[in-house]
Amino acid sequence: QLQLVESGGGLVQPGGSLRLSCAASGFTLDSYAIGWFRQAPGKEQEGVSCISGPDGSTYYADSVKGRFTISRDNAKNTVYLQMNSLKPEDTAVYYCAALLVITTVQDMCVAQEGNYWGQGTQVTVSS
């Protein structure tokens, strides 16, 4: 069965950090672009960050640039999202998605495309 599983969410105080993981099973991620997306209550889903398969190029939404870092470990079949300096407005359910054929990572994030999607992990930033 082909699936993505997110983990690492939780409750953190403003200014804190979390690292989300997106692990694949049933297929290998190294040929796929991977994106992290989030949906906050009452808001539209947003493309947070995407990373390509072949060359590792990355894209970040302006709202997270300089605070979040996306990376991949193909040996572990996992993609990470390191989130630092978290703000209450980062509170959302975070999803990862894998896309085999992309034009650019920015297009993937903006269009929110994915062949496979995970179930999401909740991130809550609150004091």
Foldseek 3Di string as FASTA:
>chain_A
DWAWAKDWADEAAAQAKIKIKIAIPPDFQLQWKKWKWWDDPPDDIATAKIFHRPPGDMDGDPVQPPFWDWDDDRVRSMIMIIGGRDDQVVWTWMKMAIDNDDDDRVCCRHVVDHPHIHPTDTHGYHD
